[in-house]
Amino acid sequence: MKLTLACLRLCAVLLLSTPLVSLACDTDADCGTGGTCIKREKRARGVCYGGSRSAPRADPAAEQAAPDIAPDVPLQPVTGQRRENAKAWLGDPDQMIKENLPGKEVGGACMVTADCPAGFDCVIAGFEGHCVKL
């Protein structure tokens, strides 16, 4: 009985000592300014990377010294012989989208849904993503 009570107390202390702020997210907006929500699947919850809700960094000075990656570089689909090789190996992304999402409006290239305009979701087909109005 004493062992069970001690175990319950230990569990209560561990639960109460965990941080109340969750780093789980659904969209980039959940991660605060400058943050990105990284998710494996559309329906899964993600983890914030960067931004005001992320975990503390080991060395903030080193992060500030790192060069910025330009976020406004437009995404472009793979072209030329590389595209033909990828289509032969992984299949044609355009055909996959037409077969699996018939009648849906297809937009430009994307890597994540945040790259798409409002109302569109990024659908990864084969080796590239396209914005699709679902």
Protein backbone atom coordinates (compact mmCIF):
# COMPACT_ATOMS: atom_id res chain seq x y z
CA MET A 1 0.00 0.00 0.00
CA LYS A 2 2.84 2.41 0.87
CA LEU A 3 4.56 1.61 -2.44
CA THR A 4 1.38 2.34 -4.44
CA LEU A 5 0.84 5.64 -2.62
CA ALA A 6 4.47 6.61 -3.22
CA CYS A 7 4.11 5.78 -6.93
CA LEU A 8 0.96 7.91 -7.20
CA ARG A 9 2.70 10.84 -5.52
CA LEU A 10 5.69 10.50 -7.84
CA CYS A 11 3.39 10.45 -10.90
CA ALA A 12 1.53 13.53 -9.65
CA VAL A 13 4.79 15.42 -9.12
CA LEU A 14 6.03 14.50 -12.60
CA LEU A 15 2.77 15.56 -14.25
CA LEU A 16 2.66 18.86 -12.41
CA SER A 17 6.28 19.66 -13.16
CA THR A 18 5.92 19.39 -16.96
CA PRO A 19 5.61 22.68 -18.87
CA LEU A 20 2.09 23.78 -19.66
CA VAL A 21 3.03 25.28 -23.04
CA SER A 22 2.59 22.77 -25.83
CA LEU A 23 4.72 22.94 -28.96
CA ALA A 24 2.14 21.06 -31.05
CA CYS A 25 0.65 22.99 -33.97
CA ASP A 26 -1.80 22.80 -36.85
CA THR A 27 -0.60 25.80 -38.89
CA ASP A 28 2.42 28.11 -39.00
CA ALA A 29 0.36 30.73 -37.16
CA ASP A 30 0.28 28.44 -34.10
CA CYS A 31 4.07 28.71 -33.84
CA GLY A 32 4.30 32.45 -33.34
CA THR A 33 6.28 35.02 -35.30
CA GLY A 34 8.80 33.44 -37.65
CA GLY A 35 7.80 29.86 -36.75
CA THR A 36 7.00 26.95 -39.03
CA CYS A 37 4.71 24.03 -38.23
CA ILE A 38 6.37 20.82 -39.41
CA LYS A 39 3.91 17.94 -39.90
CA ARG A 40 4.22 14.48 -41.34
CA GLU A 41 0.65 14.24 -42.54
CA LYS A 42 -2.12 16.76 -43.09
CA ARG A 43 -4.33 15.42 -40.30
CA ALA A 44 -1.50 14.97 -37.80
CA ARG A 45 -0.45 17.60 -35.29
CA GLY A 46 2.93 19.12 -35.98
CA VAL A 47 5.87 20.48 -34.03
CA CYS A 48 6.85 24.15 -34.05
CA TYR A 49 10.27 24.95 -35.46
CA GLY A 50 11.55 28.45 -34.87
CA GLY A 51 9.34 31.32 -33.81
CA SER A 52 8.28 32.50 -30.38
CA ARG A 53 6.71 29.16 -29.29
CA SER A 54 9.65 26.89 -30.08
CA ALA A 55 11.99 25.35 -27.52
CA PRO A 56 14.85 27.53 -26.29
CA ARG A 57 17.96 27.59 -28.46
CA ALA A 58 21.39 26.59 -27.16
CA ASP A 59 23.16 29.61 -28.68
CA PRO A 60 21.00 32.52 -29.92
CA ALA A 61 24.08 34.49 -31.09
CA ALA A 62 25.06 31.69 -33.49
CA GLU A 63 21.56 31.65 -34.96
CA GLN A 64 21.65 35.41 -35.61
CA ALA A 65 25.02 35.11 -37.35
CA ALA A 66 23.69 32.47 -39.77
CA PRO A 67 22.69 33.81 -43.20
CA ASP A 68 18.97 34.04 -43.87
CA ILE A 69 17.39 31.85 -46.52
CA ALA A 70 15.30 34.00 -48.83
CA PRO A 71 11.65 32.94 -48.27
CA ASP A 72 10.44 34.75 -51.39
CA VAL A 73 12.27 32.53 -53.91
CA PRO A 74 9.53 31.09 -56.15
CA LEU A 75 9.17 27.31 -56.27
CA GLN A 76 9.42 25.84 -59.72
CA PRO A 77 8.69 22.31 -60.88
CA VAL A 78 11.52 20.03 -61.98
CA THR A 79 12.16 20.32 -65.73
CA GLY A 80 14.15 18.72 -68.53
CA GLN A 81 15.84 15.34 -68.37
CA ARG A 82 15.70 15.29 -64.55
CA ARG A 83 11.90 15.45 -64.77
CA GLU A 84 11.73 12.64 -67.33
CA ASN A 85 13.99 10.44 -65.18
CA ALA A 86 11.88 11.16 -62.08
CA LYS A 87 8.64 10.42 -63.99
CA ALA A 88 10.03 7.09 -65.18
CA TRP A 89 11.02 6.13 -61.65
CA LEU A 90 8.22 7.64 -59.51
CA GLY A 91 5.38 8.29 -61.96
CA ASP A 92 3.91 11.45 -63.50
CA PRO A 93 2.67 13.84 -60.76
CA ASP A 94 0.19 15.58 -63.07
CA GLN A 95 -1.37 12.25 -64.08
CA MET A 96 -1.53 11.07 -60.45
CA ILE A 97 -3.41 14.20 -59.39
CA LYS A 98 -5.83 13.95 -62.33
CA GLU A 99 -6.53 10.27 -61.59
CA ASN A 100 -6.91 10.61 -57.83
CA LEU A 101 -8.50 14.07 -57.60
CA PRO A 102 -10.63 14.37 -60.77
CA GLY A 103 -12.16 17.76 -61.45
CA LYS A 104 -10.10 19.60 -58.81
CA GLU A 105 -8.46 22.93 -59.63
CA VAL A 106 -4.66 22.57 -59.70
CA GLY A 107 -2.36 25.52 -59.02
CA GLY A 108 1.39 26.02 -58.90
CA ALA A 109 4.23 24.09 -57.31
CA CYS A 110 4.52 23.74 -53.52
CA MET A 111 6.37 21.94 -50.76
CA VAL A 112 3.90 22.64 -47.93
CA THR A 113 0.36 24.05 -47.78
CA ALA A 114 1.73 27.42 -46.63
CA ASP A 115 3.19 27.80 -50.17
CA CYS A 116 -0.34 27.69 -51.64
CA PRO A 117 -2.95 30.46 -51.88
CA ALA A 118 -5.93 30.47 -49.51
CA GLY A 119 -8.34 27.62 -50.17
CA PHE A 120 -5.67 25.36 -51.68
CA ASP A 121 -3.72 22.50 -50.07
CA CYS A 122 -0.33 21.17 -51.11
CA VAL A 123 -0.68 17.66 -52.51
CA ILE A 124 2.58 15.75 -52.95
CA ALA A 125 2.28 13.40 -55.92
CA GLY A 126 5.31 11.37 -56.92
CA PHE A 127 8.29 13.70 -56.64
CA GLU A 128 6.67 17.14 -56.53
CA GLY A 129 3.82 19.00 -54.90
CA HIS A 130 1.01 20.99 -56.47
CA CYS A 131 -1.51 23.35 -54.90
CA VAL A 132 -4.94 21.74 -55.27
CA LYS A 133 -8.30 23.25 -54.34
CA LEU A 134 -9.86 20.44 -52.29
